[in-house]
């Protein structure tokens, strides 16, 4: 049997990082069900300390997910989860963002304008990529 999976990324500010990656990939931030959250808090199943307000919306503090606009059949869900410690070493796994017909250099420049950092320019044969770090320092590559 084949399994579905989601990719989970540790984050110090999962909601801001989810917003950044959703914009970067052209994906959707999963909407919050504020009524459900308030109901769970009112029933004592959660507390106000489990929630925050992000961009004017009540959300769970522990994380935020994004998904491809065509659904989970197209790409796995990505969950950004709150962790207490900061990132300290290189990722063992990373995203390779394939930009298709968009000029890679233009995409890299837009990402730098939004807070990403260029770490390395790479080439192997005809393959060319830029290794970058997102706003929390997580490495990723941009290629065609």
C-alpha atoms as a PDB file:
ATOM      1  CA  UNK A   1       0.000   0.000   0.000  1.00  0.00           C
ATOM      2  CA  UNK A   2       1.311   3.469  -0.889  1.00  0.00           C
ATOM      3  CA  UNK A   3       1.028   6.194   1.737  1.00  0.00           C
ATOM      4  CA  UNK A   4       0.270   9.892   1.543  1.00  0.00           C
ATOM      5  CA  UNK A   5       2.595  12.197   3.461  1.00  0.00           C
ATOM      6  CA  UNK A   6       3.043  15.806   4.413  1.00  0.00           C
ATOM      7  CA  UNK A   7       6.315  17.661   4.764  1.00  0.00           C
ATOM      8  CA  UNK A   8       6.778  19.294   8.175  1.00  0.00           C
ATOM      9  CA  UNK A   9       9.177  22.193   8.682  1.00  0.00           C
ATOM     10  CA  UNK A  10      10.235  23.396  12.143  1.00  0.00           C
ATOM     11  CA  UNK A  11       9.777  27.140  12.585  1.00  0.00           C
ATOM     12  CA  UNK A  12      10.111  29.863  15.184  1.00  0.00           C
ATOM     13  CA  UNK A  13       7.187  31.754  13.554  1.00  0.00           C
ATOM     14  CA  UNK A  14       5.164  29.176  11.619  1.00  0.00           C
ATOM     15  CA  UNK A  15       2.435  31.539  10.437  1.00  0.00           C
ATOM     16  CA  UNK A  16       4.803  34.098   8.945  1.00  0.00           C
ATOM     17  CA  UNK A  17       6.908  31.338   7.363  1.00  0.00           C
ATOM     18  CA  UNK A  18       3.777  29.680   5.928  1.00  0.00           C
ATOM     19  CA  UNK A  19       2.703  33.013   4.427  1.00  0.00           C
ATOM     20  CA  UNK A  20       6.174  33.472   2.914  1.00  0.00           C
ATOM     21  CA  UNK A  21       6.262  29.994   1.366  1.00  0.00           C
ATOM     22  CA  UNK A  22       2.655  30.187   0.131  1.00  0.00           C
ATOM     23  CA  UNK A  23       3.506  33.391  -1.733  1.00  0.00           C
ATOM     24  CA  UNK A  24       6.802  31.922  -2.991  1.00  0.00           C
ATOM     25  CA  UNK A  25       5.150  28.791  -4.406  1.00  0.00           C
ATOM     26  CA  UNK A  26       1.814  30.305  -5.433  1.00  0.00           C
ATOM     27  CA  UNK A  27       0.096  27.982  -2.943  1.00  0.00           C
ATOM     28  CA  UNK A  28      -2.746  28.572  -0.468  1.00  0.00           C
ATOM     29  CA  UNK A  29      -2.476  29.001   3.275  1.00  0.00           C
ATOM     30  CA  UNK A  30      -5.037  26.663   4.824  1.00  0.00           C
ATOM     31  CA  UNK A  31      -7.857  28.742   6.296  1.00  0.00           C
ATOM     32  CA  UNK A  32      -8.449  28.855  10.023  1.00  0.00           C
ATOM     33  CA  UNK A  33     -11.777  27.688  11.463  1.00  0.00           C
ATOM     34  CA  UNK A  34     -12.151  30.376  14.112  1.00  0.00           C
ATOM     35  CA  UNK A  35     -15.565  29.098  15.254  1.00  0.00           C
ATOM     36  CA  UNK A  36     -14.134  25.616  15.876  1.00  0.00           C
ATOM     37  CA  UNK A  37     -11.159  27.054  17.776  1.00  0.00           C
ATOM     38  CA  UNK A  38     -13.419  29.211  19.964  1.00  0.00           C
ATOM     39  CA  UNK A  39     -15.692  26.214  20.570  1.00  0.00           C
ATOM     40  CA  UNK A  40     -12.793  24.004  21.671  1.00  0.00           C
ATOM     41  CA  UNK A  41     -11.513  26.733  24.003  1.00  0.00           C
ATOM     42  CA  UNK A  42     -15.016  27.312  25.429  1.00  0.00           C
ATOM     43  CA  UNK A  43     -15.461  23.559  26.007  1.00  0.00           C
ATOM     44  CA  UNK A  44     -12.130  23.373  27.864  1.00  0.00           C
ATOM     45  CA  UNK A  45     -10.407  21.171  25.253  1.00  0.00           C
ATOM     46  CA  UNK A  46      -7.885  23.948  24.545  1.00  0.00           C
ATOM     47  CA  UNK A  47      -6.906  27.231  26.154  1.00  0.00           C
ATOM     48  CA  UNK A  48      -6.425  30.771  24.955  1.00  0.00           C
ATOM     49  CA  UNK A  49      -2.683  30.127  25.352  1.00  0.00           C
ATOM     50  CA  UNK A  50      -2.976  27.602  22.493  1.00  0.00           C
ATOM     51  CA  UNK A  51      -4.067  30.363  20.097  1.00  0.00           C
ATOM     52  CA  UNK A  52      -2.749  33.588  18.606  1.00  0.00           C
ATOM     53  CA  UNK A  53      -4.140  36.161  16.240  1.00  0.00           C
ATOM     54  CA  UNK A  54      -2.283  36.284  12.913  1.00  0.00           C
ATOM     55  CA  UNK A  55      -3.244  38.889  10.307  1.00  0.00           C
ATOM     56  CA  UNK A  56      -6.461  39.511  12.247  1.00  0.00           C
ATOM     57  CA  UNK A  57      -7.470  35.824  12.307  1.00  0.00           C
ATOM     58  CA  UNK A  58      -7.602  33.494  15.330  1.00  0.00           C
ATOM     59  CA  UNK A  59      -5.282  30.533  14.665  1.00  0.00           C
ATOM     60  CA  UNK A  60      -3.633  27.666  16.516  1.00  0.00           C
ATOM     61  CA  UNK A  61      -0.251  28.818  17.828  1.00  0.00           C
ATOM     62  CA  UNK A  62       1.477  25.482  17.107  1.00  0.00           C
ATOM     63  CA  UNK A  63       1.482  25.640  13.343  1.00  0.00           C
ATOM     64  CA  UNK A  64       0.162  26.536   9.932  1.00  0.00           C
ATOM     65  CA  UNK A  65      -0.130  24.490   6.747  1.00  0.00           C
ATOM     66  CA  UNK A  66      -0.053  25.392   3.082  1.00  0.00           C
ATOM     67  CA  UNK A  67      -1.253  23.351   0.121  1.00  0.00           C
ATOM     68  CA  UNK A  68      -1.145  23.356  -3.654  1.00  0.00           C
ATOM     69  CA  UNK A  69      -4.168  25.229  -5.073  1.00  0.00           C
ATOM     70  CA  UNK A  70      -5.191  22.087  -7.001  1.00  0.00           C
ATOM     71  CA  UNK A  71      -5.260  19.991  -3.827  1.00  0.00           C
ATOM     72  CA  UNK A  72      -3.343  17.189  -2.159  1.00  0.00           C
ATOM     73  CA  UNK A  73      -3.495  15.038  -5.293  1.00  0.00           C
ATOM     74  CA  UNK A  74      -1.117  17.523  -6.939  1.00  0.00           C
ATOM     75  CA  UNK A  75       1.468  17.935  -4.137  1.00  0.00           C
ATOM     76  CA  UNK A  76       1.842  17.053  -0.459  1.00  0.00           C
ATOM     77  CA  UNK A  77       0.703  19.438   2.251  1.00  0.00           C
ATOM     78  CA  UNK A  78       3.468  21.429   3.964  1.00  0.00           C
ATOM     79  CA  UNK A  79       3.081  22.078   7.692  1.00  0.00           C
ATOM     80  CA  UNK A  80       5.162  24.676   9.518  1.00  0.00           C
ATOM     81  CA  UNK A  81       5.286  23.748  13.199  1.00  0.00           C
ATOM     82  CA  UNK A  82       6.379  25.821  16.174  1.00  0.00           C
ATOM     83  CA  UNK A  83       9.582  24.707  17.890  1.00  0.00           C
ATOM     84  CA  UNK A  84      11.373  26.444  20.766  1.00  0.00           C
ATOM     85  CA  UNK A  85      14.900  26.276  19.371  1.00  0.00           C
ATOM     86  CA  UNK A  86      16.369  28.240  16.471  1.00  0.00           C
ATOM     87  CA  UNK A  87      17.797  26.570  13.372  1.00  0.00           C
ATOM     88  CA  UNK A  88      21.510  25.903  13.936  1.00  0.00           C
ATOM     89  CA  UNK A  89      22.762  23.555  11.186  1.00  0.00           C
ATOM     90  CA  UNK A  90      22.249  22.902   7.483  1.00  0.00           C
ATOM     91  CA  UNK A  91      19.016  21.201   6.444  1.00  0.00           C
ATOM     92  CA  UNK A  92      19.255  17.482   5.675  1.00  0.00           C
ATOM     93  CA  UNK A  93      16.334  17.882   3.279  1.00  0.00           C
ATOM     94  CA  UNK A  94      15.236  20.925   1.287  1.00  0.00           C
ATOM     95  CA  UNK A  95      12.837  22.190  -1.368  1.00  0.00           C
ATOM     96  CA  UNK A  96      13.930  22.429  -4.995  1.00  0.00           C
ATOM     97  CA  UNK A  97      11.689  25.127  -6.447  1.00  0.00           C
ATOM     98  CA  UNK A  98      11.341  24.587 -10.210  1.00  0.00           C
ATOM     99  CA  UNK A  99      10.413  27.882 -11.867  1.00  0.00           C
ATOM    100  CA  UNK A 100       9.570  26.525 -15.331  1.00  0.00           C
ATOM    101  CA  UNK A 101       9.677  29.226 -18.007  1.00  0.00           C
ATOM    102  CA  UNK A 102      10.189  32.104 -15.539  1.00  0.00           C
ATOM    103  CA  UNK A 103      13.758  33.405 -15.680  1.00  0.00           C
ATOM    104  CA  UNK A 104      15.526  31.901 -12.660  1.00  0.00           C
ATOM    105  CA  UNK A 105      17.478  35.128 -12.046  1.00  0.00           C
ATOM    106  CA  UNK A 106      14.227  37.138 -11.852  1.00  0.00           C
ATOM    107  CA  UNK A 107      12.707  34.704  -9.358  1.00  0.00           C
ATOM    108  CA  UNK A 108      15.880  34.811  -7.248  1.00  0.00           C
ATOM    109  CA  UNK A 109      15.811  38.633  -7.265  1.00  0.00           C
ATOM    110  CA  UNK A 110      12.137  38.691  -6.162  1.00  0.00           C
ATOM    111  CA  UNK A 111      12.900  36.244  -3.336  1.00  0.00           C
ATOM    112  CA  UNK A 112      15.836  38.361  -2.172  1.00  0.00           C
ATOM    113  CA  UNK A 113      13.527  41.397  -2.157  1.00  0.00           C
ATOM    114  CA  UNK A 114      11.192  39.402   0.132  1.00  0.00           C
ATOM    115  CA  UNK A 115      13.962  38.488   2.596  1.00  0.00           C
ATOM    116  CA  UNK A 116      15.650  35.371   1.180  1.00  0.00           C
ATOM    117  CA  UNK A 117      19.441  35.145   1.000  1.00  0.00           C
ATOM    118  CA  UNK A 118      21.571  33.797  -1.853  1.00  0.00           C
ATOM    119  CA  UNK A 119      24.009  31.177  -0.516  1.00  0.00           C
ATOM    120  CA  UNK A 120      25.511  29.572  -3.616  1.00  0.00           C
ATOM    121  CA  UNK A 121      25.285  29.434  -7.402  1.00  0.00           C
ATOM    122  CA  UNK A 122      25.607  25.871  -8.683  1.00  0.00           C
ATOM    123  CA  UNK A 123      26.080  24.156 -12.033  1.00  0.00           C
ATOM    124  CA  UNK A 124      26.483  20.553 -13.132  1.00  0.00           C
ATOM    125  CA  UNK A 125      26.487  20.159 -16.907  1.00  0.00           C
ATOM    126  CA  UNK A 126      23.385  21.925 -18.231  1.00  0.00           C
ATOM    127  CA  UNK A 127      21.753  22.093 -14.786  1.00  0.00           C
ATOM    128  CA  UNK A 128      22.028  25.488 -13.090  1.00  0.00           C
ATOM    129  CA  UNK A 129      20.568  26.432  -9.698  1.00  0.00           C
ATOM    130  CA  UNK A 130      20.749  28.976  -6.917  1.00  0.00           C
ATOM    131  CA  UNK A 131      20.884  27.759  -3.324  1.00  0.00           C
ATOM    132  CA  UNK A 132      19.100  30.203  -1.023  1.00  0.00           C
ATOM    133  CA  UNK A 133      17.906  30.538   2.569  1.00  0.00           C
ATOM    134  CA  UNK A 134      14.347  31.562   3.447  1.00  0.00           C
ATOM    135  CA  UNK A 135      13.451  34.133   6.104  1.00  0.00           C
ATOM    136  CA  UNK A 136      14.229  31.655   8.914  1.00  0.00           C
ATOM    137  CA  UNK A 137      17.448  30.351   7.331  1.00  0.00           C
ATOM    138  CA  UNK A 138      16.076  27.127   5.796  1.00  0.00           C
ATOM    139  CA  UNK A 139      17.999  26.242   2.633  1.00  0.00           C
ATOM    140  CA  UNK A 140      16.256  25.685  -0.700  1.00  0.00           C
ATOM    141  CA  UNK A 141      17.225  25.716  -4.371  1.00  0.00           C
ATOM    142  CA  UNK A 142      15.759  27.592  -7.306  1.00  0.00           C
ATOM    143  CA  UNK A 143      16.157  25.972 -10.718  1.00  0.00           C
ATOM    144  CA  UNK A 144      14.370  25.595 -14.058  1.00  0.00           C
END
